[in-house]
Amino acid sequence: MNFVVPTRNRLVTHLPNRLRTFGDIYRDSVFGPGYWDTDLSATKRFFIREGMSIQFRADAFNLFNHVNYGEPNSCVDCVGQGPGLITSTLASQDGTSMRRLQFALRFEF
């Protein structure tokens, strides 16, 4: 980013930061994309006879298979990486961000 600042007889296109400062941008001024996730769980109980039943359960995590992107790059003076670029995705608890299906069968007595 270049700033044009008029001085006495010339234009300075870039002013260095003061000593021991990191610039003049405010804290938390860069926002990333939101997080969107939908989980679904469905159960059905089948009664066999008195005191005995079978329960079937189906769970879907990240049901719509939506990709959640990571935070934008906040390094302003890094070579080869532009500021504000998003180069990663967020992972869920198991380390992936893809849709997962889980089935369970439970016998109760």
Protein backbone atom coordinates (compact mmCIF):
# COMPACT_ATOMS: atom_id res chain seq x y z
CA MET A 1 0.00 0.00 0.00
CA ASN A 2 1.49 3.35 -0.97
CA PHE A 3 0.57 6.64 0.61
CA VAL A 4 1.29 9.92 -1.10
CA VAL A 5 2.26 12.47 1.55
CA PRO A 6 3.31 15.97 0.50
CA THR A 7 6.45 17.23 2.20
CA ARG A 8 8.43 20.42 1.60
CA ASN A 9 9.40 20.17 -2.06
CA ARG A 10 8.74 16.55 -3.02
CA LEU A 11 6.27 13.71 -2.64
CA VAL A 12 7.12 10.75 -0.42
CA THR A 13 5.35 7.59 -1.58
CA HIS A 14 6.08 5.49 1.46
CA LEU A 15 6.69 6.47 5.06
CA PRO A 16 8.33 3.90 7.34
CA ASN A 17 6.71 3.12 10.67
CA ARG A 18 7.93 4.72 13.82
CA LEU A 19 10.41 2.74 15.88
CA ARG A 20 8.84 -0.18 17.79
CA THR A 21 5.45 0.16 16.09
CA PHE A 22 3.66 -2.20 13.75
CA GLY A 23 1.57 0.31 11.82
CA ASP A 24 -1.64 2.17 12.41
CA ILE A 25 -4.29 -0.46 11.71
CA TYR A 26 -6.63 -1.23 14.59
CA ARG A 27 -6.83 -4.54 16.38
CA ASP A 28 -9.47 -6.96 15.01
CA SER A 29 -9.95 -4.87 11.86
CA VAL A 30 -9.60 -7.86 9.50
CA PHE A 31 -12.58 -10.20 9.42
CA GLY A 32 -12.75 -13.60 7.84
CA PRO A 33 -15.71 -15.43 6.35
CA GLY A 34 -18.37 -16.81 8.66
CA TYR A 35 -18.63 -20.40 9.85
CA TRP A 36 -21.61 -22.37 8.59
CA ASP A 37 -22.30 -25.97 9.58
CA THR A 38 -25.45 -28.11 9.76
CA ASP A 39 -25.68 -31.38 11.68
CA LEU A 40 -28.67 -33.72 11.65
CA SER A 41 -29.61 -36.68 13.81
CA ALA A 42 -32.61 -39.00 13.36
CA THR A 43 -33.67 -41.94 15.54
CA LYS A 44 -36.34 -44.62 15.27
CA ARG A 45 -37.25 -47.11 18.00
CA PHE A 46 -38.77 -50.48 17.13
CA PHE A 47 -40.51 -52.34 19.99
CA ILE A 48 -40.00 -56.09 19.90
CA ARG A 49 -41.96 -57.03 23.00
CA GLU A 50 -42.38 -55.72 26.53
CA GLY A 51 -39.05 -54.53 27.91
CA MET A 52 -37.13 -55.09 24.64
CA SER A 53 -36.55 -52.67 21.78
CA ILE A 54 -34.11 -51.82 19.03
CA GLN A 55 -33.13 -48.24 18.32
CA PHE A 56 -31.73 -47.18 14.94
CA ARG A 57 -29.84 -43.89 14.75
CA ALA A 58 -28.43 -41.96 11.77
CA ASP A 59 -26.19 -38.91 12.23
CA ALA A 60 -24.99 -36.55 9.50
CA PHE A 61 -22.25 -34.03 10.24
CA ASN A 62 -21.80 -31.11 7.81
CA LEU A 63 -24.97 -32.28 6.08
CA PHE A 64 -24.81 -29.86 3.11
CA ASN A 65 -21.05 -30.36 2.64
CA HIS A 66 -20.37 -26.62 2.91
CA VAL A 67 -16.71 -25.52 2.82
CA ASN A 68 -15.68 -23.18 5.64
CA TYR A 69 -12.71 -21.06 4.64
CA GLY A 70 -9.95 -20.00 7.02
CA GLU A 71 -8.86 -16.55 8.05
CA PRO A 72 -7.33 -14.15 5.51
CA ASN A 73 -3.58 -13.64 5.51
CA SER A 74 -2.74 -10.64 7.68
CA CYS A 75 0.96 -10.42 6.80
CA VAL A 76 1.30 -7.15 4.89
CA ASP A 77 4.98 -7.32 3.95
CA CYS A 78 5.42 -11.06 3.26
CA VAL A 79 6.91 -11.89 -0.13
CA GLY A 80 4.80 -14.14 -2.31
CA GLN A 81 1.70 -13.95 -0.13
CA GLY A 82 -0.69 -11.11 -0.67
CA PRO A 83 -2.45 -9.58 2.32
CA GLY A 84 -6.06 -10.65 2.60
CA LEU A 85 -5.72 -13.91 0.66
CA ILE A 86 -7.50 -16.97 2.04
CA THR A 87 -5.43 -20.09 1.43
CA SER A 88 -6.85 -22.60 3.91
CA THR A 89 -10.04 -24.24 5.08
CA LEU A 90 -11.24 -24.85 8.61
CA ALA A 91 -11.36 -28.43 9.82
CA SER A 92 -13.81 -29.94 12.26
CA GLN A 93 -12.87 -32.01 15.30
CA ASP A 94 -11.74 -35.01 13.29
CA GLY A 95 -9.41 -32.96 11.09
CA THR A 96 -11.53 -32.88 7.93
CA SER A 97 -14.25 -30.59 6.66
CA MET A 98 -16.19 -33.04 4.50
CA ARG A 99 -19.60 -34.57 5.13
CA ARG A 100 -19.66 -37.52 7.51
CA LEU A 101 -22.43 -40.06 8.04
CA GLN A 102 -22.67 -42.30 11.10
CA PHE A 103 -25.12 -45.12 11.75
CA ALA A 104 -25.82 -46.96 15.00
CA LEU A 105 -28.01 -49.83 16.10
CA ARG A 106 -28.79 -50.26 19.81
CA PHE A 107 -30.52 -53.16 21.52
CA GLU A 108 -32.25 -52.21 24.78
CA PHE A 109 -33.55 -54.67 27.35
